[in-house]
Amino acid sequence: MKISQSVLGIAVFMLATAAFAEDAPRFQNQVLTIPRVDTEDQAGRYQNAHFRLAEDGRWDLQAITEAQPATVESSEILVVDSKPVQVFAKISGYFPSGCYNLGSINVRRRGVDFFEVVVTQVQLQTVAFCTQALIPFSYTVPLDVYGLAAGTYRVFIHGNEHSFTLAADNNLPE
């Protein structure tokens, strides 16, 4: 069982590293691109903000997209009993038609004991007709719990509150 937990941990680390790399702002050809902008109300509320550096030093907003939260039907928290403990949010829902797909999965930690998870959808730019049927999805998202102190933590997923408890400080065993 330890092998499968290790493989799961490595796979999650690789996926999380790839996702976090896309969150890094970029500055190229006098344009600053910020992939994700959080607001007080929602993680990832705005996406792909593009600012152009003007000759007088000001930043001009060129484009920004307001994220559309996907429809979430169910969510749960999965705790893997490993050292250190791993915690995941399993989220299921649907897109309104075949013209939509996954936008981004935004996870942020707020305060001492509170995580927020928001799944967004994007409308595909297509000239083809899309199916008008609901398109189900299911995603398992890692929560960054390494280094957290023992205690109970809350997770809000599209307004639904969950919790999990760490029985001990979540660090590598010595």
C-alpha atoms as a PDB file:
ATOM      1  CA  MET A   1       0.000   0.000   0.000  1.00  0.00           C
ATOM      2  CA  LYS A   2       2.883   2.388   0.677  1.00  0.00           C
ATOM      3  CA  ILE A   3       3.948   2.114  -2.959  1.00  0.00           C
ATOM      4  CA  SER A   4       0.534   3.177  -4.244  1.00  0.00           C
ATOM      5  CA  GLN A   5       0.451   6.106  -1.767  1.00  0.00           C
ATOM      6  CA  SER A   6       3.908   7.174  -2.933  1.00  0.00           C
ATOM      7  CA  VAL A   7       2.897   6.954  -6.585  1.00  0.00           C
ATOM      8  CA  LEU A   8      -0.252   8.949  -5.819  1.00  0.00           C
ATOM      9  CA  GLY A   9       1.821  11.582  -4.023  1.00  0.00           C
ATOM     10  CA  ILE A  10       4.284  11.898  -6.917  1.00  0.00           C
ATOM     11  CA  ALA A  11       1.462  12.135  -9.481  1.00  0.00           C
ATOM     12  CA  VAL A  12      -0.331  14.805  -7.476  1.00  0.00           C
ATOM     13  CA  PHE A  13       2.913  16.750  -7.010  1.00  0.00           C
ATOM     14  CA  MET A  14       3.569  16.678 -10.770  1.00  0.00           C
ATOM     15  CA  LEU A  15       0.018  17.833 -11.571  1.00  0.00           C
ATOM     16  CA  ALA A  16       0.102  20.544  -8.926  1.00  0.00           C
ATOM     17  CA  THR A  17       3.511  21.767 -10.111  1.00  0.00           C
ATOM     18  CA  ALA A  18       2.237  22.023 -13.686  1.00  0.00           C
ATOM     19  CA  ALA A  19      -0.887  23.878 -12.564  1.00  0.00           C
ATOM     20  CA  PHE A  20       1.042  26.309 -10.362  1.00  0.00           C
ATOM     21  CA  ALA A  21       3.525  27.052 -13.148  1.00  0.00           C
ATOM     22  CA  GLU A  22       0.634  28.334 -15.270  1.00  0.00           C
ATOM     23  CA  ASP A  23      -0.362  30.705 -12.437  1.00  0.00           C
ATOM     24  CA  ALA A  24       2.902  32.654 -12.710  1.00  0.00           C
ATOM     25  CA  PRO A  25       2.559  36.170 -14.190  1.00  0.00           C
ATOM     26  CA  ARG A  26       4.572  36.838 -17.364  1.00  0.00           C
ATOM     27  CA  PHE A  27       6.089  40.030 -18.775  1.00  0.00           C
ATOM     28  CA  GLN A  28       6.913  39.900 -22.471  1.00  0.00           C
ATOM     29  CA  ASN A  29       6.945  42.561 -25.224  1.00  0.00           C
ATOM     30  CA  GLN A  30       5.831  45.273 -22.774  1.00  0.00           C
ATOM     31  CA  VAL A  31       2.735  43.213 -21.807  1.00  0.00           C
ATOM     32  CA  LEU A  32       2.172  41.879 -18.295  1.00  0.00           C
ATOM     33  CA  THR A  33      -0.114  38.828 -18.248  1.00  0.00           C
ATOM     34  CA  ILE A  34      -1.636  37.762 -14.939  1.00  0.00           C
ATOM     35  CA  PRO A  35      -3.365  34.363 -15.291  1.00  0.00           C
ATOM     36  CA  ARG A  36      -5.479  34.616 -12.111  1.00  0.00           C
ATOM     37  CA  VAL A  37      -6.818  37.500 -10.059  1.00  0.00           C
ATOM     38  CA  ASP A  38      -8.570  36.726  -6.765  1.00  0.00           C
ATOM     39  CA  THR A  39     -11.137  39.018  -5.188  1.00  0.00           C
ATOM     40  CA  GLU A  40     -12.412  39.017  -1.641  1.00  0.00           C
ATOM     41  CA  ASP A  41     -15.515  37.185  -2.919  1.00  0.00           C
ATOM     42  CA  GLN A  42     -13.996  34.481  -5.110  1.00  0.00           C
ATOM     43  CA  ALA A  43     -10.721  32.764  -5.882  1.00  0.00           C
ATOM     44  CA  GLY A  44      -9.878  33.184  -9.567  1.00  0.00           C
ATOM     45  CA  ARG A  45     -12.707  35.685 -10.185  1.00  0.00           C
ATOM     46  CA  TYR A  46     -10.796  37.185 -13.115  1.00  0.00           C
ATOM     47  CA  GLN A  47      -8.471  35.388 -15.489  1.00  0.00           C
ATOM     48  CA  ASN A  48      -5.940  36.305 -18.147  1.00  0.00           C
ATOM     49  CA  ALA A  49      -5.541  39.988 -17.333  1.00  0.00           C
ATOM     50  CA  HIS A  50      -3.286  41.716 -19.898  1.00  0.00           C
ATOM     51  CA  PHE A  51      -1.683  45.067 -19.064  1.00  0.00           C
ATOM     52  CA  ARG A  52       0.475  47.040 -21.519  1.00  0.00           C
ATOM     53  CA  LEU A  53       3.251  49.243 -20.163  1.00  0.00           C
ATOM     54  CA  ALA A  54       2.774  52.708 -21.663  1.00  0.00           C
ATOM     55  CA  GLU A  55       5.684  55.023 -22.490  1.00  0.00           C
ATOM     56  CA  ASP A  56       4.781  57.297 -19.559  1.00  0.00           C
ATOM     57  CA  GLY A  57       5.068  54.346 -17.123  1.00  0.00           C
ATOM     58  CA  ARG A  58       1.367  53.692 -16.509  1.00  0.00           C
ATOM     59  CA  TRP A  59      -0.243  50.284 -17.053  1.00  0.00           C
ATOM     60  CA  ASP A  60      -3.165  50.106 -19.505  1.00  0.00           C
ATOM     61  CA  LEU A  61      -5.593  47.204 -19.139  1.00  0.00           C
ATOM     62  CA  GLN A  62      -5.845  45.517 -22.537  1.00  0.00           C
ATOM     63  CA  ALA A  63      -8.110  42.559 -21.730  1.00  0.00           C
ATOM     64  CA  ILE A  64      -9.509  40.547 -18.841  1.00  0.00           C
ATOM     65  CA  THR A  65     -11.943  37.638 -18.567  1.00  0.00           C
ATOM     66  CA  GLU A  66     -14.453  37.227 -15.761  1.00  0.00           C
ATOM     67  CA  ALA A  67     -14.522  33.584 -14.718  1.00  0.00           C
ATOM     68  CA  GLN A  68     -17.766  31.614 -14.962  1.00  0.00           C
ATOM     69  CA  PRO A  69     -18.149  29.164 -12.080  1.00  0.00           C
ATOM     70  CA  ALA A  70     -19.135  25.682 -13.255  1.00  0.00           C
ATOM     71  CA  THR A  71     -22.201  23.938 -11.852  1.00  0.00           C
ATOM     72  CA  VAL A  72     -21.134  21.692  -8.964  1.00  0.00           C
ATOM     73  CA  GLU A  73     -23.584  18.994  -7.863  1.00  0.00           C
ATOM     74  CA  SER A  74     -21.500  17.267  -5.215  1.00  0.00           C
ATOM     75  CA  SER A  75     -18.204  17.579  -3.411  1.00  0.00           C
ATOM     76  CA  GLU A  76     -16.353  15.703  -0.721  1.00  0.00           C
ATOM     77  CA  ILE A  77     -13.029  15.735   1.075  1.00  0.00           C
ATOM     78  CA  LEU A  78     -10.692  12.735   0.790  1.00  0.00           C
ATOM     79  CA  VAL A  79      -7.943  12.285   3.382  1.00  0.00           C
ATOM     80  CA  VAL A  80      -5.098   9.887   2.552  1.00  0.00           C
ATOM     81  CA  ASP A  81      -3.596   8.335   5.667  1.00  0.00           C
ATOM     82  CA  SER A  82       0.054   8.782   4.785  1.00  0.00           C
ATOM     83  CA  LYS A  83       3.027  10.594   6.297  1.00  0.00           C
ATOM     84  CA  PRO A  84       2.621  13.465   5.613  1.00  0.00           C
ATOM     85  CA  VAL A  85      -1.179  13.382   5.284  1.00  0.00           C
ATOM     86  CA  GLN A  86      -2.588  14.277   1.850  1.00  0.00           C
ATOM     87  CA  VAL A  87      -6.003  15.907   1.429  1.00  0.00           C
ATOM     88  CA  PHE A  88      -8.044  16.186  -1.769  1.00  0.00           C
ATOM     89  CA  ALA A  89     -11.319  17.795  -2.781  1.00  0.00           C
ATOM     90  CA  LYS A  90     -13.387  15.591  -5.107  1.00  0.00           C
ATOM     91  CA  ILE A  91     -15.760  17.744  -7.134  1.00  0.00           C
ATOM     92  CA  SER A  92     -18.498  16.571  -9.532  1.00  0.00           C
ATOM     93  CA  GLY A  93     -20.876  18.579 -11.646  1.00  0.00           C
ATOM     94  CA  TYR A  94     -21.660  19.414 -15.236  1.00  0.00           C
ATOM     95  CA  PHE A  95     -21.085  21.883 -18.037  1.00  0.00           C
ATOM     96  CA  PRO A  96     -24.257  23.301 -19.682  1.00  0.00           C
ATOM     97  CA  SER A  97     -23.425  21.913 -23.151  1.00  0.00           C
ATOM     98  CA  GLY A  98     -20.666  20.573 -25.348  1.00  0.00           C
ATOM     99  CA  CYS A  99     -19.656  24.183 -26.033  1.00  0.00           C
ATOM    100  CA  TYR A 100     -18.109  24.438 -22.544  1.00  0.00           C
ATOM    101  CA  ASN A 101     -15.034  22.905 -20.974  1.00  0.00           C
ATOM    102  CA  LEU A 102     -12.944  23.216 -17.830  1.00  0.00           C
ATOM    103  CA  GLY A 103     -11.600  26.722 -17.289  1.00  0.00           C
ATOM    104  CA  SER A 104      -9.451  26.584 -14.190  1.00  0.00           C
ATOM    105  CA  ILE A 105      -9.563  25.080 -10.747  1.00  0.00           C
ATOM    106  CA  ASN A 106      -8.741  27.796  -8.239  1.00  0.00           C
ATOM    107  CA  VAL A 107      -7.646  26.870  -4.735  1.00  0.00           C
ATOM    108  CA  ARG A 108      -6.636  29.361  -2.104  1.00  0.00           C
ATOM    109  CA  ARG A 109      -6.086  29.295   1.610  1.00  0.00           C
ATOM    110  CA  ARG A 110      -7.692  32.110   3.554  1.00  0.00           C
ATOM    111  CA  GLY A 111      -6.909  32.759   7.165  1.00  0.00           C
ATOM    112  CA  VAL A 112      -5.616  30.076   9.456  1.00  0.00           C
ATOM    113  CA  ASP A 113      -8.124  27.259   8.904  1.00  0.00           C
ATOM    114  CA  PHE A 114     -10.017  27.928   5.682  1.00  0.00           C
ATOM    115  CA  PHE A 115      -9.612  26.736   2.070  1.00  0.00           C
ATOM    116  CA  GLU A 116     -11.696  27.872  -0.902  1.00  0.00           C
ATOM    117  CA  VAL A 117     -12.069  25.848  -4.126  1.00  0.00           C
ATOM    118  CA  VAL A 118     -13.754  27.208  -7.271  1.00  0.00           C
ATOM    119  CA  VAL A 119     -14.080  25.300 -10.573  1.00  0.00           C
ATOM    120  CA  THR A 120     -14.644  27.526 -13.588  1.00  0.00           C
ATOM    121  CA  GLN A 121     -15.846  26.815 -17.092  1.00  0.00           C
ATOM    122  CA  VAL A 122     -14.994  28.425 -20.416  1.00  0.00           C
ATOM    123  CA  GLN A 123     -17.094  28.650 -23.522  1.00  0.00           C
ATOM    124  CA  LEU A 124     -15.263  27.074 -26.432  1.00  0.00           C
ATOM    125  CA  GLN A 125     -14.710  29.176 -29.536  1.00  0.00           C
ATOM    126  CA  THR A 126     -16.014  26.878 -32.224  1.00  0.00           C
ATOM    127  CA  VAL A 127     -17.744  27.167 -35.583  1.00  0.00           C
ATOM    128  CA  ALA A 128     -19.131  23.649 -35.256  1.00  0.00           C
ATOM    129  CA  PHE A 129     -22.428  22.850 -33.572  1.00  0.00           C
ATOM    130  CA  CYS A 130     -22.187  21.692 -29.976  1.00  0.00           C
ATOM    131  CA  THR A 131     -24.277  19.062 -28.285  1.00  0.00           C
ATOM    132  CA  GLN A 132     -26.963  20.630 -26.115  1.00  0.00           C
ATOM    133  CA  ALA A 133     -26.707  17.818 -23.556  1.00  0.00           C
ATOM    134  CA  LEU A 134     -25.233  18.415 -20.115  1.00  0.00           C
ATOM    135  CA  ILE A 135     -21.587  17.304 -19.968  1.00  0.00           C
ATOM    136  CA  PRO A 136     -20.636  15.740 -16.606  1.00  0.00           C
ATOM    137  CA  PHE A 137     -17.240  16.260 -14.988  1.00  0.00           C
ATOM    138  CA  SER A 138     -15.402  14.971 -11.953  1.00  0.00           C
ATOM    139  CA  TYR A 139     -12.088  16.360 -10.703  1.00  0.00           C
ATOM    140  CA  THR A 140      -9.927  15.512  -7.721  1.00  0.00           C
ATOM    141  CA  VAL A 141      -7.953  18.528  -6.538  1.00  0.00           C
ATOM    142  CA  PRO A 142      -5.031  18.423  -4.073  1.00  0.00           C
ATOM    143  CA  LEU A 143      -5.119  20.815  -1.133  1.00  0.00           C
ATOM    144  CA  ASP A 144      -1.759  22.123   0.080  1.00  0.00           C
ATOM    145  CA  VAL A 145      -1.781  20.835   3.642  1.00  0.00           C
ATOM    146  CA  TYR A 146       1.927  20.140   4.114  1.00  0.00           C
ATOM    147  CA  GLY A 147       3.280  21.969   7.138  1.00  0.00           C
ATOM    148  CA  LEU A 148      -0.121  22.686   8.668  1.00  0.00           C
ATOM    149  CA  ALA A 149      -0.524  22.375  12.423  1.00  0.00           C
ATOM    150  CA  ALA A 150      -2.791  19.772  13.976  1.00  0.00           C
ATOM    151  CA  GLY A 151      -6.397  20.945  14.011  1.00  0.00           C
ATOM    152  CA  THR A 152      -9.663  21.137  12.105  1.00  0.00           C
ATOM    153  CA  TYR A 153      -9.777  22.921   8.750  1.00  0.00           C
ATOM    154  CA  ARG A 154     -12.763  24.097   6.713  1.00  0.00           C
ATOM    155  CA  VAL A 155     -13.064  23.804   2.938  1.00  0.00           C
ATOM    156  CA  PHE A 156     -15.634  25.778   0.945  1.00  0.00           C
ATOM    157  CA  ILE A 157     -16.405  24.346  -2.493  1.00  0.00           C
ATOM    158  CA  HIS A 158     -18.887  26.486  -4.416  1.00  0.00           C
ATOM    159  CA  GLY A 159     -20.571  27.484  -1.164  1.00  0.00           C
ATOM    160  CA  ASN A 160     -20.680  23.982   0.350  1.00  0.00           C
ATOM    161  CA  GLU A 161     -18.746  23.679   3.589  1.00  0.00           C
ATOM    162  CA  HIS A 162     -16.675  20.604   4.450  1.00  0.00           C
ATOM    163  CA  SER A 163     -14.041  19.984   7.087  1.00  0.00           C
ATOM    164  CA  PHE A 164     -11.146  17.679   7.838  1.00  0.00           C
ATOM    165  CA  THR A 165      -8.979  17.186  10.896  1.00  0.00           C
ATOM    166  CA  LEU A 166      -5.242  16.706  11.112  1.00  0.00           C
ATOM    167  CA  ALA A 167      -4.500  14.697  14.255  1.00  0.00           C
ATOM    168  CA  ALA A 168      -0.862  15.832  14.302  1.00  0.00           C
ATOM    169  CA  ASP A 169       1.291  18.503  12.692  1.00  0.00           C
ATOM    170  CA  ASN A 170       1.571  17.582   9.017  1.00  0.00           C
ATOM    171  CA  ASN A 171       5.295  17.321   8.348  1.00  0.00           C
ATOM    172  CA  LEU A 172       7.654  14.611   7.178  1.00  0.00           C
ATOM    173  CA  PRO A 173       8.450  12.070   9.900  1.00  0.00           C
ATOM    174  CA  GLU A 174      11.864  12.546  11.490  1.00  0.00           C
END
